[in-house]
C-alpha cells in the first residue's frame, strides 16, 4: 500500500513540475512577443478628466503614468470642423465649463488664454 501511495505522490509531483515548466515556457514565449509597459498608473481616456489626472499625477505627484487614448489627440470631445464653402473653423463638443479655480489653473498652466 505504501508503495502505491509513494508512486502516486511521485506521479503528482512529476505532473506538477511538468505543468510548472510548461507554464514557464509558455509565459516566456508570450513575454518575448509582447511589449510590457511598467507604470504606476494606467489612465484610460484622454478627455478632460483623463488629461487632468495624467498631468497632476505625472508632474505634480511624480508618478509614472500611461495615458491610453484611441484618438490622435487629447481632449477628443472638442473637434474642429471646417466649413468647406467658407473655410471657417468651428469648435464643437464642449459647450461650457465651470470657471472655477481648478479649471482656470489647469488651463493656464499650459499658457492658454481663456478670457472669452
N, C-alpha and C. Protein backbone atom coordinates (compact mmCIF):
# COMPACT_ATOMS: atom_id res chain seq x y z
N UNK A 1 0.82 -1.20 0.00
CA UNK A 1 0.00 0.00 0.00
C UNK A 1 0.86 1.26 0.00
N UNK A 2 1.94 1.26 0.82
CA UNK A 2 2.83 2.43 0.85
C UNK A 2 3.47 2.67 -0.50
N UNK A 3 3.77 1.58 -1.18
CA UNK A 3 4.40 1.72 -2.49
C UNK A 3 3.46 2.43 -3.46
N UNK A 4 2.19 2.08 -3.40
CA UNK A 4 1.20 2.73 -4.26
C UNK A 4 1.06 4.21 -3.89
N UNK A 5 1.05 4.50 -2.60
CA UNK A 5 0.93 5.88 -2.15
C UNK A 5 2.13 6.70 -2.58
N UNK A 6 3.34 6.12 -2.40
CA UNK A 6 4.56 6.83 -2.82
C UNK A 6 4.59 7.02 -4.33
N UNK A 7 4.15 6.03 -5.07
CA UNK A 7 4.09 6.16 -6.53
C UNK A 7 3.13 7.27 -6.94
N UNK A 8 2.00 7.33 -6.26
CA UNK A 8 1.02 8.36 -6.54
C UNK A 8 1.57 9.76 -6.21
N UNK A 9 2.27 9.88 -5.08
CA UNK A 9 2.88 11.16 -4.71
C UNK A 9 3.95 11.56 -5.74
N UNK A 10 4.76 10.60 -6.13
CA UNK A 10 5.82 10.86 -7.12
C UNK A 10 5.20 11.30 -8.45
N UNK A 11 4.16 10.62 -8.86
CA UNK A 11 3.48 10.98 -10.11
C UNK A 11 2.88 12.38 -10.02
N UNK A 12 2.27 12.69 -8.88
CA UNK A 12 1.69 14.02 -8.67
C UNK A 12 2.76 15.10 -8.73
N UNK A 13 3.88 14.86 -8.06
CA UNK A 13 4.98 15.83 -8.10
C UNK A 13 5.53 15.98 -9.51
N UNK A 14 5.69 14.87 -10.21
CA UNK A 14 6.19 14.92 -11.59
C UNK A 14 5.25 15.74 -12.47
N UNK A 15 3.96 15.49 -12.36
CA UNK A 15 2.98 16.24 -13.16
C UNK A 15 2.98 17.72 -12.79
N UNK A 16 3.08 18.02 -11.49
CA UNK A 16 3.10 19.41 -11.05
C UNK A 16 4.32 20.13 -11.61
N UNK A 17 5.47 19.47 -11.57
CA UNK A 17 6.69 20.08 -12.13
C UNK A 17 6.58 20.24 -13.64
N UNK A 18 6.01 19.27 -14.32
CA UNK A 18 5.84 19.36 -15.77
C UNK A 18 4.91 20.51 -16.13
N UNK A 19 3.83 20.68 -15.39
CA UNK A 19 2.90 21.78 -15.63
C UNK A 19 3.57 23.11 -15.36
N UNK A 20 4.32 23.19 -14.27
CA UNK A 20 5.03 24.43 -13.94
C UNK A 20 6.03 24.77 -15.03
N UNK A 21 6.76 23.78 -15.52
CA UNK A 21 7.74 24.01 -16.59
C UNK A 21 7.01 24.47 -17.87
N UNK A 22 5.89 23.83 -18.18
CA UNK A 22 5.11 24.23 -19.36
C UNK A 22 4.64 25.67 -19.22
N UNK A 23 4.11 26.02 -18.05
CA UNK A 23 3.63 27.39 -17.82
C UNK A 23 4.77 28.39 -17.94
N UNK A 24 5.95 28.05 -17.41
CA UNK A 24 7.10 28.95 -17.50
C UNK A 24 7.52 29.14 -18.96
N UNK A 25 7.52 28.06 -19.72
CA UNK A 25 7.89 28.16 -21.14
C UNK A 25 6.84 28.97 -21.91
N UNK A 26 5.57 28.71 -21.65
CA UNK A 26 4.51 29.45 -22.34
C UNK A 26 4.58 30.93 -21.99
N UNK A 27 4.80 31.23 -20.72
CA UNK A 27 4.90 32.61 -20.28
C UNK A 27 6.10 33.29 -20.93
N UNK A 28 7.21 32.60 -21.01
CA UNK A 28 8.41 33.14 -21.63
C UNK A 28 8.16 33.47 -23.10
N UNK A 29 7.44 32.58 -23.80
CA UNK A 29 7.13 32.83 -25.21
C UNK A 29 6.21 34.04 -25.37
N UNK A 30 5.22 34.16 -24.50
CA UNK A 30 4.30 35.29 -24.57
C UNK A 30 5.04 36.59 -24.26
N UNK A 31 5.88 36.58 -23.23
CA UNK A 31 6.62 37.78 -22.85
C UNK A 31 7.54 38.24 -23.96
N UNK A 32 8.11 37.31 -24.72
CA UNK A 32 9.03 37.70 -25.79
C UNK A 32 8.28 38.32 -26.97
N UNK A 33 6.97 38.10 -27.06
CA UNK A 33 6.18 38.63 -28.16
C UNK A 33 5.40 39.89 -27.81
N UNK A 34 5.38 40.26 -26.54
CA UNK A 34 4.57 41.39 -26.08
C UNK A 34 5.47 42.41 -25.40
N UNK A 35 5.26 43.69 -25.74
CA UNK A 35 5.96 44.75 -25.03
C UNK A 35 5.23 45.00 -23.72
N UNK A 36 5.96 44.94 -22.65
CA UNK A 36 5.38 45.17 -21.33
C UNK A 36 5.74 46.58 -20.89
N UNK A 37 4.74 47.34 -20.51
CA UNK A 37 4.94 48.70 -20.03
C UNK A 37 4.70 48.69 -18.53
N UNK A 38 5.68 49.14 -17.78
CA UNK A 38 5.54 49.18 -16.33
C UNK A 38 5.39 50.62 -15.88
N UNK A 39 4.23 50.95 -15.35
CA UNK A 39 3.91 52.28 -14.86
C UNK A 39 3.19 52.15 -13.53
N UNK A 40 3.13 53.25 -12.79
CA UNK A 40 2.41 53.24 -11.53
C UNK A 40 0.90 53.22 -11.76
N UNK A 41 0.44 53.98 -12.79
CA UNK A 41 -0.99 54.14 -13.03
C UNK A 41 -1.26 54.11 -14.53
N UNK A 42 -2.33 53.44 -14.93
CA UNK A 42 -2.81 53.50 -16.32
C UNK A 42 -4.10 54.30 -16.32
N UNK A 43 -4.18 55.29 -17.21
CA UNK A 43 -5.37 56.13 -17.32
C UNK A 43 -6.01 55.84 -18.67
N UNK A 44 -7.26 55.45 -18.65
CA UNK A 44 -8.00 55.13 -19.87
C UNK A 44 -8.82 56.35 -20.26
N UNK A 45 -8.48 56.95 -21.39
CA UNK A 45 -9.23 58.09 -21.90
C UNK A 45 -8.50 59.40 -21.68
N UNK A 46 -8.31 60.12 -22.77
CA UNK A 46 -7.59 61.40 -22.72
C UNK A 46 -8.50 62.59 -22.85
N UNK A 47 -9.73 62.48 -22.33
CA UNK A 47 -10.61 63.64 -22.29
C UNK A 47 -10.15 64.58 -21.19
N UNK A 48 -11.01 65.47 -20.79
CA UNK A 48 -10.64 66.47 -19.78
C UNK A 48 -10.20 65.81 -18.47
N UNK A 49 -10.95 64.84 -17.99
CA UNK A 49 -10.62 64.21 -16.71
C UNK A 49 -9.35 63.37 -16.81
N UNK A 50 -9.22 62.60 -17.88
CA UNK A 50 -8.02 61.77 -18.05
C UNK A 50 -6.77 62.60 -18.21
N UNK A 51 -6.87 63.69 -18.98
CA UNK A 51 -5.72 64.56 -19.16
C UNK A 51 -5.35 65.24 -17.86
N UNK A 52 -6.35 65.71 -17.13
CA UNK A 52 -6.09 66.35 -15.84
C UNK A 52 -5.40 65.37 -14.89
N UNK A 53 -5.92 64.15 -14.82
CA UNK A 53 -5.32 63.14 -13.94
C UNK A 53 -3.89 62.84 -14.35
N UNK A 54 -3.64 62.74 -15.65
CA UNK A 54 -2.29 62.44 -16.13
C UNK A 54 -1.31 63.54 -15.77
N UNK A 55 -1.71 64.79 -15.97
CA UNK A 55 -0.83 65.91 -15.65
C UNK A 55 -0.56 65.99 -14.16
N UNK A 56 -1.61 65.91 -13.38
CA UNK A 56 -1.44 66.01 -11.92
C UNK A 56 -0.58 64.87 -11.38
N UNK A 57 -0.86 63.64 -11.82
CA UNK A 57 -0.10 62.51 -11.30
C UNK A 57 1.37 62.56 -11.74
N UNK A 58 1.61 62.84 -13.02
CA UNK A 58 2.98 62.78 -13.52
C UNK A 58 3.81 63.99 -13.12
N UNK A 59 3.27 65.19 -13.24
CA UNK A 59 4.05 66.39 -12.98
C UNK A 59 4.03 66.83 -11.53
N UNK A 60 2.91 66.73 -10.90
CA UNK A 60 2.79 67.25 -9.54
C UNK A 60 3.04 66.20 -8.46
N UNK A 61 2.80 64.95 -8.77
CA UNK A 61 2.93 63.90 -7.75
C UNK A 61 4.02 62.88 -8.10
N UNK A 62 4.81 63.16 -9.15
CA UNK A 62 5.96 62.33 -9.52
C UNK A 62 5.60 60.85 -9.67
N UNK A 63 4.50 60.59 -10.36
CA UNK A 63 4.01 59.24 -10.59
C UNK A 63 4.18 58.91 -12.06
N UNK A 64 4.60 57.69 -12.37
CA UNK A 64 4.69 57.30 -13.78
C UNK A 64 3.30 56.87 -14.24
N UNK A 65 2.91 57.37 -15.41
CA UNK A 65 1.57 57.07 -15.91
C UNK A 65 1.65 56.61 -17.36
N UNK A 66 0.63 55.92 -17.79
CA UNK A 66 0.43 55.57 -19.19
C UNK A 66 -0.98 56.03 -19.53
N UNK A 67 -1.09 57.01 -20.41
CA UNK A 67 -2.38 57.54 -20.82
C UNK A 67 -2.78 56.86 -22.11
N UNK A 68 -3.91 56.18 -22.10
CA UNK A 68 -4.37 55.42 -23.26
C UNK A 68 -5.56 56.14 -23.87
N UNK A 69 -5.40 56.60 -25.11
CA UNK A 69 -6.45 57.34 -25.82
C UNK A 69 -6.52 56.81 -27.25
N UNK A 70 -7.71 56.53 -27.73
CA UNK A 70 -7.85 55.95 -29.06
C UNK A 70 -7.68 56.97 -30.18
N UNK A 71 -7.90 58.24 -29.90
CA UNK A 71 -7.76 59.27 -30.92
C UNK A 71 -6.31 59.76 -30.98
N UNK A 72 -5.98 60.51 -32.02
CA UNK A 72 -4.61 61.01 -32.21
C UNK A 72 -4.29 62.21 -31.33
N UNK A 73 -5.28 62.78 -30.67
CA UNK A 73 -5.02 63.92 -29.81
C UNK A 73 -5.86 63.82 -28.54
N UNK A 74 -5.45 64.59 -27.55
CA UNK A 74 -6.17 64.59 -26.28
C UNK A 74 -7.35 65.55 -26.36
N UNK A 75 -8.30 65.38 -25.45
CA UNK A 75 -9.47 66.25 -25.43
C UNK A 75 -10.36 66.04 -26.63
N UNK A 76 -10.56 64.78 -26.99
CA UNK A 76 -11.25 64.47 -28.25
C UNK A 76 -12.72 64.85 -28.28
N UNK A 77 -13.28 65.27 -27.17
CA UNK A 77 -14.67 65.70 -27.21
C UNK A 77 -14.80 67.07 -27.85
N UNK A 78 -13.69 67.74 -28.04
CA UNK A 78 -13.68 69.02 -28.74
C UNK A 78 -13.09 68.76 -30.12
N UNK A 79 -13.84 69.03 -31.14
CA UNK A 79 -13.40 68.81 -32.52
C UNK A 79 -13.46 70.11 -33.29
N UNK A 80 -12.55 70.24 -34.23
CA UNK A 80 -12.57 71.40 -35.12
C UNK A 80 -13.22 70.99 -36.43
N UNK A 81 -14.24 71.73 -36.82
CA UNK A 81 -14.94 71.49 -38.09
C UNK A 81 -14.67 72.67 -39.01
N UNK A 82 -14.27 72.38 -40.24
CA UNK A 82 -14.04 73.43 -41.23
C UNK A 82 -15.21 73.44 -42.21
N UNK A 83 -15.87 74.60 -42.31
CA UNK A 83 -16.98 74.75 -43.26
C UNK A 83 -16.35 74.83 -44.65
N UNK A 84 -16.65 73.87 -45.52
CA UNK A 84 -15.98 73.81 -46.83
C UNK A 84 -16.18 75.06 -47.69
N UNK A 85 -17.37 75.62 -47.67
CA UNK A 85 -17.66 76.76 -48.54
C UNK A 85 -16.91 78.03 -48.13
N UNK A 86 -16.70 78.21 -46.83
CA UNK A 86 -16.10 79.47 -46.36
C UNK A 86 -14.72 79.27 -45.72
N UNK A 87 -14.31 78.03 -45.54
CA UNK A 87 -13.05 77.71 -44.89
C UNK A 87 -12.99 78.25 -43.45
N UNK A 88 -14.17 78.47 -42.87
CA UNK A 88 -14.28 78.93 -41.48
C UNK A 88 -14.20 77.71 -40.56
N UNK A 89 -13.51 77.87 -39.44
CA UNK A 89 -13.43 76.76 -38.50
C UNK A 89 -14.35 77.01 -37.31
N UNK A 90 -14.96 75.93 -36.85
CA UNK A 90 -15.84 75.97 -35.69
C UNK A 90 -15.39 74.89 -34.71
N UNK A 91 -15.37 75.24 -33.44
CA UNK A 91 -15.06 74.27 -32.40
C UNK A 91 -16.38 73.77 -31.83
N UNK A 92 -16.56 72.49 -31.74
CA UNK A 92 -17.78 71.96 -31.15
C UNK A 92 -17.44 70.79 -30.23
N UNK A 93 -18.29 70.54 -29.29
CA UNK A 93 -18.11 69.43 -28.37
C UNK A 93 -18.35 69.87 -26.94
N UNK A 94 -17.53 70.78 -26.45
CA UNK A 94 -17.71 71.30 -25.11
C UNK A 94 -18.50 72.60 -25.22
N UNK A 95 -19.64 72.65 -24.63
CA UNK A 95 -20.50 73.83 -24.72
C UNK A 95 -20.16 74.87 -23.66
N UNK A 96 -19.75 74.42 -22.49
CA UNK A 96 -19.40 75.34 -21.42
C UNK A 96 -18.56 74.59 -20.39
N UNK A 97 -17.94 75.34 -19.54
CA UNK A 97 -17.26 74.75 -18.39
C UNK A 97 -17.46 75.69 -17.21
N UNK A 98 -17.34 75.14 -16.04
CA UNK A 98 -17.49 75.95 -14.84
C UNK A 98 -16.16 76.65 -14.60
N UNK A 99 -16.19 77.95 -14.57
CA UNK A 99 -14.97 78.74 -14.42
C UNK A 99 -14.60 78.80 -12.93
N UNK A 100 -14.09 77.70 -12.43
CA UNK A 100 -13.65 77.69 -11.04
C UNK A 100 -12.12 77.67 -11.02
N UNK A 101 -11.55 77.80 -9.84
CA UNK A 101 -10.10 77.88 -9.70
C UNK A 101 -9.37 76.68 -10.28
N UNK A 102 -9.91 75.49 -10.09
CA UNK A 102 -9.28 74.28 -10.59
C UNK A 102 -9.18 74.28 -12.11
N UNK A 103 -10.29 74.59 -12.79
CA UNK A 103 -10.30 74.60 -14.25
C UNK A 103 -9.40 75.71 -14.79
N UNK A 104 -9.48 76.90 -14.20
CA UNK A 104 -8.68 78.03 -14.67
C UNK A 104 -7.19 77.74 -14.49
N UNK A 105 -6.81 77.23 -13.34
CA UNK A 105 -5.40 76.92 -13.09
C UNK A 105 -4.87 75.86 -14.04
N UNK A 106 -5.70 74.86 -14.32
CA UNK A 106 -5.27 73.78 -15.21
C UNK A 106 -5.02 74.31 -16.62
N UNK A 107 -5.91 75.12 -17.14
CA UNK A 107 -5.75 75.66 -18.49
C UNK A 107 -4.59 76.64 -18.54
N UNK A 108 -4.46 77.47 -17.54
CA UNK A 108 -3.40 78.47 -17.53
C UNK A 108 -2.01 77.86 -17.40
N UNK A 109 -1.89 76.70 -16.81
CA UNK A 109 -0.57 76.08 -16.67
C UNK A 109 0.03 75.73 -18.03
N UNK A 110 -0.80 75.67 -19.08
CA UNK A 110 -0.31 75.41 -20.43
C UNK A 110 -0.18 76.68 -21.25
N UNK A 111 -0.39 77.83 -20.61
CA UNK A 111 -0.25 79.11 -21.29
C UNK A 111 -1.39 79.42 -22.26
N UNK A 112 -2.55 78.84 -22.01
CA UNK A 112 -3.70 79.07 -22.89
C UNK A 112 -4.52 80.24 -22.35
N UNK A 113 -5.07 81.02 -23.28
CA UNK A 113 -5.90 82.16 -22.91
C UNK A 113 -7.36 81.71 -22.85
N UNK A 114 -8.01 81.99 -21.72
CA UNK A 114 -9.43 81.60 -21.58
C UNK A 114 -10.28 82.82 -21.25
N UNK A 115 -9.91 83.97 -21.81
CA UNK A 115 -10.66 85.19 -21.49
C UNK A 115 -12.00 85.25 -22.16
N UNK A 116 -12.22 84.49 -23.20
CA UNK A 116 -13.50 84.55 -23.91
C UNK A 116 -14.56 83.73 -23.23
